[in-house]
Amino acid sequence: MSEPTQIWVDADACPGVIKEILFRAAERARVQVTLVANQWLRTPPSRFIRSLQVAGGYDVADTAIVERVHPGDLVVTQDIPLAARVLERGAVALHPRGERYTADNIAERLSIRNFMEELRGAGVQTGGPSAFHARDSQNFASQLDRWLAQRPRGAPSPE
């Protein structure tokens, strides 16, 4: 029997509003949500929600997610290299703004990210991401609902 699908969250940079959407979805859909971070995170009491604290360091949380993710799982992350790694493992990757990373768009996202990193390394001010808006939360919730509707039924719930 295959593992039940679950949600992994690259939680260090995940907006609080997205975590709240995930917490509600965990209860409603009875799906395991695991927040992975290099610091202690407060989570609501639930048998469907847990946090995994990993050591600090470059990509430690990312590696912990990649080591645990199964095909069909959902990974919520803003980290494009992490998204590429989980796609290779057969998982689904979703940005907190609701953009679904796919085999068709991940190479372009990696190229843009690397180009922007080179510019910053050369001292060019590139600015940061735009402010997080309600429509971003709505886009995320919509994509999450799609994933929840498509995941295999009858997956055992955690005890």
C-alpha atoms as a PDB file:
ATOM      1  CA  MET A   1       0.000   0.000   0.000  1.00  0.00           C
ATOM      2  CA  SER A   2       1.342   3.433  -0.857  1.00  0.00           C
ATOM      3  CA  GLU A   3       1.911   6.219   1.627  1.00  0.00           C
ATOM      4  CA  PRO A   4      -0.991   8.654   2.044  1.00  0.00           C
ATOM      5  CA  THR A   5      -0.290  11.971   0.372  1.00  0.00           C
ATOM      6  CA  GLN A   6       0.600  14.836   2.622  1.00  0.00           C
ATOM      7  CA  ILE A   7       1.643  18.476   2.591  1.00  0.00           C
ATOM      8  CA  TRP A   8       5.167  19.658   3.387  1.00  0.00           C
ATOM      9  CA  VAL A   9       5.762  23.358   4.080  1.00  0.00           C
ATOM     10  CA  ASP A  10       9.101  25.143   3.705  1.00  0.00           C
ATOM     11  CA  ALA A  11       7.995  27.154   6.707  1.00  0.00           C
ATOM     12  CA  ASP A  12      10.805  29.618   7.447  1.00  0.00           C
ATOM     13  CA  ALA A  13       9.591  32.072   4.789  1.00  0.00           C
ATOM     14  CA  CYS A  14       5.959  30.967   4.423  1.00  0.00           C
ATOM     15  CA  PRO A  15       3.499  33.810   5.074  1.00  0.00           C
ATOM     16  CA  GLY A  16       1.343  33.382   8.178  1.00  0.00           C
ATOM     17  CA  VAL A  17      -1.873  33.705   6.179  1.00  0.00           C
ATOM     18  CA  ILE A  18      -0.827  30.717   4.042  1.00  0.00           C
ATOM     19  CA  LYS A  19      -0.067  28.650   7.146  1.00  0.00           C
ATOM     20  CA  GLU A  20      -3.569  29.469   8.436  1.00  0.00           C
ATOM     21  CA  ILE A  21      -5.117  28.300   5.142  1.00  0.00           C
ATOM     22  CA  LEU A  22      -3.103  25.081   5.424  1.00  0.00           C
ATOM     23  CA  PHE A  23      -4.147  24.529   9.054  1.00  0.00           C
ATOM     24  CA  ARG A  24      -7.837  24.847   8.134  1.00  0.00           C
ATOM     25  CA  ALA A  25      -7.375  22.546   5.129  1.00  0.00           C
ATOM     26  CA  ALA A  26      -5.619  19.930   7.302  1.00  0.00           C
ATOM     27  CA  GLU A  27      -8.668  19.659   9.541  1.00  0.00           C
ATOM     28  CA  ARG A  28     -11.248  19.901   6.765  1.00  0.00           C
ATOM     29  CA  ALA A  29      -9.595  17.410   4.412  1.00  0.00           C
ATOM     30  CA  ARG A  30      -7.945  15.274   7.108  1.00  0.00           C
ATOM     31  CA  VAL A  31      -4.538  15.602   5.464  1.00  0.00           C
ATOM     32  CA  GLN A  32      -1.189  15.642   7.262  1.00  0.00           C
ATOM     33  CA  VAL A  33       0.552  19.037   7.122  1.00  0.00           C
ATOM     34  CA  THR A  34       4.184  19.215   8.267  1.00  0.00           C
ATOM     35  CA  LEU A  35       5.944  22.549   8.676  1.00  0.00           C
ATOM     36  CA  VAL A  36       9.719  22.237   8.291  1.00  0.00           C
ATOM     37  CA  ALA A  37      11.902  25.035   9.671  1.00  0.00           C
ATOM     38  CA  ASN A  38      15.190  25.660  11.439  1.00  0.00           C
ATOM     39  CA  GLN A  39      13.354  27.248  14.347  1.00  0.00           C
ATOM     40  CA  TRP A  40      10.564  26.165  16.652  1.00  0.00           C
ATOM     41  CA  LEU A  41       7.130  26.925  15.207  1.00  0.00           C
ATOM     42  CA  ARG A  42       3.842  27.190  17.036  1.00  0.00           C
ATOM     43  CA  THR A  43       1.131  25.025  15.491  1.00  0.00           C
ATOM     44  CA  PRO A  44      -2.470  24.569  16.538  1.00  0.00           C
ATOM     45  CA  PRO A  45      -3.306  21.384  18.429  1.00  0.00           C
ATOM     46  CA  SER A  46      -4.289  18.866  15.777  1.00  0.00           C
ATOM     47  CA  ARG A  47      -3.491  15.282  14.910  1.00  0.00           C
ATOM     48  CA  PHE A  48      -3.089  16.479  11.288  1.00  0.00           C
ATOM     49  CA  ILE A  49      -0.572  19.288  11.903  1.00  0.00           C
ATOM     50  CA  ARG A  50       2.998  18.956  13.070  1.00  0.00           C
ATOM     51  CA  SER A  51       6.271  20.802  12.844  1.00  0.00           C
ATOM     52  CA  LEU A  52       9.725  19.448  12.213  1.00  0.00           C
ATOM     53  CA  GLN A  53      12.597  21.542  13.513  1.00  0.00           C
ATOM     54  CA  VAL A  54      15.892  20.973  11.700  1.00  0.00           C
ATOM     55  CA  ALA A  55      19.368  22.297  12.401  1.00  0.00           C
ATOM     56  CA  GLY A  56      20.269  25.702  11.036  1.00  0.00           C
ATOM     57  CA  GLY A  57      22.377  25.874   7.922  1.00  0.00           C
ATOM     58  CA  TYR A  58      22.194  26.270   4.189  1.00  0.00           C
ATOM     59  CA  ASP A  59      19.477  24.077   2.623  1.00  0.00           C
ATOM     60  CA  VAL A  60      19.046  21.882   5.739  1.00  0.00           C
ATOM     61  CA  ALA A  61      15.254  22.319   5.725  1.00  0.00           C
ATOM     62  CA  ASP A  62      15.150  21.787   1.954  1.00  0.00           C
ATOM     63  CA  THR A  63      17.111  18.556   2.235  1.00  0.00           C
ATOM     64  CA  ALA A  64      14.855  17.340   5.065  1.00  0.00           C
ATOM     65  CA  ILE A  65      11.804  17.876   2.846  1.00  0.00           C
ATOM     66  CA  VAL A  66      13.369  16.202  -0.204  1.00  0.00           C
ATOM     67  CA  GLU A  67      14.397  13.174   1.881  1.00  0.00           C
ATOM     68  CA  ARG A  68      10.823  12.704   3.177  1.00  0.00           C
ATOM     69  CA  VAL A  69       8.628  13.683   0.227  1.00  0.00           C
ATOM     70  CA  HIS A  70       6.757  10.995  -1.722  1.00  0.00           C
ATOM     71  CA  PRO A  71       5.274  11.115  -5.226  1.00  0.00           C
ATOM     72  CA  GLY A  72       1.970  12.958  -5.136  1.00  0.00           C
ATOM     73  CA  ASP A  73       2.774  14.924  -1.970  1.00  0.00           C
ATOM     74  CA  LEU A  74       2.422  18.713  -2.042  1.00  0.00           C
ATOM     75  CA  VAL A  75       5.346  20.969  -1.113  1.00  0.00           C
ATOM     76  CA  VAL A  76       4.658  24.643  -0.404  1.00  0.00           C
ATOM     77  CA  THR A  77       7.760  26.738  -1.038  1.00  0.00           C
ATOM     78  CA  GLN A  78       9.075  29.993  -2.462  1.00  0.00           C
ATOM     79  CA  ASP A  79      12.446  28.293  -3.016  1.00  0.00           C
ATOM     80  CA  ILE A  80      12.779  27.511  -6.731  1.00  0.00           C
ATOM     81  CA  PRO A  81      15.687  25.046  -6.411  1.00  0.00           C
ATOM     82  CA  LEU A  82      13.693  23.152  -3.763  1.00  0.00           C
ATOM     83  CA  ALA A  83      10.663  23.134  -6.074  1.00  0.00           C
ATOM     84  CA  ALA A  84      12.832  21.635  -8.833  1.00  0.00           C
ATOM     85  CA  ARG A  85      14.115  18.927  -6.485  1.00  0.00           C
ATOM     86  CA  VAL A  86      10.645  17.882  -5.314  1.00  0.00           C
ATOM     87  CA  LEU A  87       9.309  17.849  -8.880  1.00  0.00           C
ATOM     88  CA  GLU A  88      12.086  15.367  -9.693  1.00  0.00           C
ATOM     89  CA  ARG A  89      10.772  13.184  -6.856  1.00  0.00           C
ATOM     90  CA  GLY A  90       7.266  13.170  -8.337  1.00  0.00           C
ATOM     91  CA  ALA A  91       5.763  15.596  -5.847  1.00  0.00           C
ATOM     92  CA  VAL A  92       3.741  18.734  -6.560  1.00  0.00           C
ATOM     93  CA  ALA A  93       5.327  22.125  -5.788  1.00  0.00           C
ATOM     94  CA  LEU A  94       3.259  25.230  -5.071  1.00  0.00           C
ATOM     95  CA  HIS A  95       4.389  28.797  -4.400  1.00  0.00           C
ATOM     96  CA  PRO A  96       2.579  30.556  -1.511  1.00  0.00           C
ATOM     97  CA  ARG A  97       1.208  33.031  -4.085  1.00  0.00           C
ATOM     98  CA  GLY A  98      -0.565  30.158  -5.835  1.00  0.00           C
ATOM     99  CA  GLU A  99       1.772  29.528  -8.761  1.00  0.00           C
ATOM    100  CA  ARG A 100       2.166  25.823  -9.397  1.00  0.00           C
ATOM    101  CA  TYR A 101       5.681  24.853 -10.432  1.00  0.00           C
ATOM    102  CA  THR A 102       5.677  22.333 -13.276  1.00  0.00           C
ATOM    103  CA  ALA A 103       8.147  20.485 -15.466  1.00  0.00           C
ATOM    104  CA  ASP A 104       7.206  23.021 -18.159  1.00  0.00           C
ATOM    105  CA  ASN A 105       8.021  26.170 -16.153  1.00  0.00           C
ATOM    106  CA  ILE A 106      10.688  25.188 -13.619  1.00  0.00           C
ATOM    107  CA  ALA A 107      13.697  25.570 -15.962  1.00  0.00           C
ATOM    108  CA  GLU A 108      12.637  29.121 -16.823  1.00  0.00           C
ATOM    109  CA  ARG A 109      12.089  29.960 -13.127  1.00  0.00           C
ATOM    110  CA  LEU A 110      15.552  28.615 -12.287  1.00  0.00           C
ATOM    111  CA  SER A 111      17.148  30.651 -15.106  1.00  0.00           C
ATOM    112  CA  ILE A 112      15.474  33.872 -13.961  1.00  0.00           C
ATOM    113  CA  ARG A 113      16.413  33.190 -10.343  1.00  0.00           C
ATOM    114  CA  ASN A 114      20.049  32.539 -11.265  1.00  0.00           C
ATOM    115  CA  PHE A 115      20.179  35.648 -13.469  1.00  0.00           C
ATOM    116  CA  MET A 116      18.778  37.824 -10.660  1.00  0.00           C
ATOM    117  CA  GLU A 117      21.282  36.293  -8.231  1.00  0.00           C
ATOM    118  CA  GLU A 118      24.127  37.196 -10.627  1.00  0.00           C
ATOM    119  CA  LEU A 119      22.853  40.764 -10.851  1.00  0.00           C
ATOM    120  CA  ARG A 120      22.689  41.058  -7.064  1.00  0.00           C
ATOM    121  CA  GLY A 121      26.188  39.552  -6.834  1.00  0.00           C
ATOM    122  CA  ALA A 122      27.387  42.302  -9.181  1.00  0.00           C
ATOM    123  CA  GLY A 123      25.870  44.944  -6.899  1.00  0.00           C
ATOM    124  CA  VAL A 124      22.766  45.698  -8.956  1.00  0.00           C
ATOM    125  CA  GLN A 125      19.743  46.604  -6.823  1.00  0.00           C
ATOM    126  CA  THR A 126      16.995  44.282  -8.085  1.00  0.00           C
ATOM    127  CA  GLY A 127      14.325  45.027  -5.488  1.00  0.00           C
ATOM    128  CA  GLY A 128      12.355  42.401  -3.662  1.00  0.00           C
ATOM    129  CA  PRO A 129       9.102  40.627  -4.347  1.00  0.00           C
ATOM    130  CA  SER A 130       5.910  42.632  -4.506  1.00  0.00           C
ATOM    131  CA  ALA A 131       3.720  42.874  -1.412  1.00  0.00           C
ATOM    132  CA  PHE A 132       1.591  39.852  -0.579  1.00  0.00           C
ATOM    133  CA  HIS A 133      -2.065  40.574  -1.410  1.00  0.00           C
ATOM    134  CA  ALA A 134      -5.425  38.961  -0.684  1.00  0.00           C
ATOM    135  CA  ARG A 135      -5.555  37.746  -4.291  1.00  0.00           C
ATOM    136  CA  ASP A 136      -2.311  35.824  -3.653  1.00  0.00           C
ATOM    137  CA  SER A 137      -3.995  34.023  -0.751  1.00  0.00           C
ATOM    138  CA  GLN A 138      -7.029  33.325  -2.933  1.00  0.00           C
ATOM    139  CA  ASN A 139      -4.837  31.937  -5.737  1.00  0.00           C
ATOM    140  CA  PHE A 140      -3.043  29.713  -3.233  1.00  0.00           C
ATOM    141  CA  ALA A 141      -6.299  28.464  -1.684  1.00  0.00           C
ATOM    142  CA  SER A 142      -7.663  27.672  -5.152  1.00  0.00           C
ATOM    143  CA  GLN A 143      -4.580  25.649  -6.129  1.00  0.00           C
ATOM    144  CA  LEU A 144      -4.627  23.887  -2.750  1.00  0.00           C
ATOM    145  CA  ASP A 145      -8.275  22.933  -3.259  1.00  0.00           C
ATOM    146  CA  ARG A 146      -7.388  21.519  -6.703  1.00  0.00           C
ATOM    147  CA  TRP A 147      -4.623  19.394  -5.220  1.00  0.00           C
ATOM    148  CA  LEU A 148      -6.879  18.192  -2.406  1.00  0.00           C
ATOM    149  CA  ALA A 149      -9.593  17.231  -4.910  1.00  0.00           C
ATOM    150  CA  GLN A 150      -7.113  15.287  -7.073  1.00  0.00           C
ATOM    151  CA  ARG A 151      -5.290  13.384  -4.342  1.00  0.00           C
ATOM    152  CA  PRO A 152      -6.065   9.694  -3.925  1.00  0.00           C
ATOM    153  CA  ARG A 153      -9.109   8.917  -1.805  1.00  0.00           C
ATOM    154  CA  GLY A 154      -9.141   6.476   1.026  1.00  0.00           C
ATOM    155  CA  ALA A 155      -5.714   7.420   2.312  1.00  0.00           C
ATOM    156  CA  PRO A 156      -5.484   6.451   5.974  1.00  0.00           C
ATOM    157  CA  SER A 157      -5.464   9.356   8.368  1.00  0.00           C
ATOM    158  CA  PRO A 158      -2.622   9.736  10.889  1.00  0.00           C
ATOM    159  CA  GLU A 159      -3.270   8.380  14.356  1.00  0.00           C
END
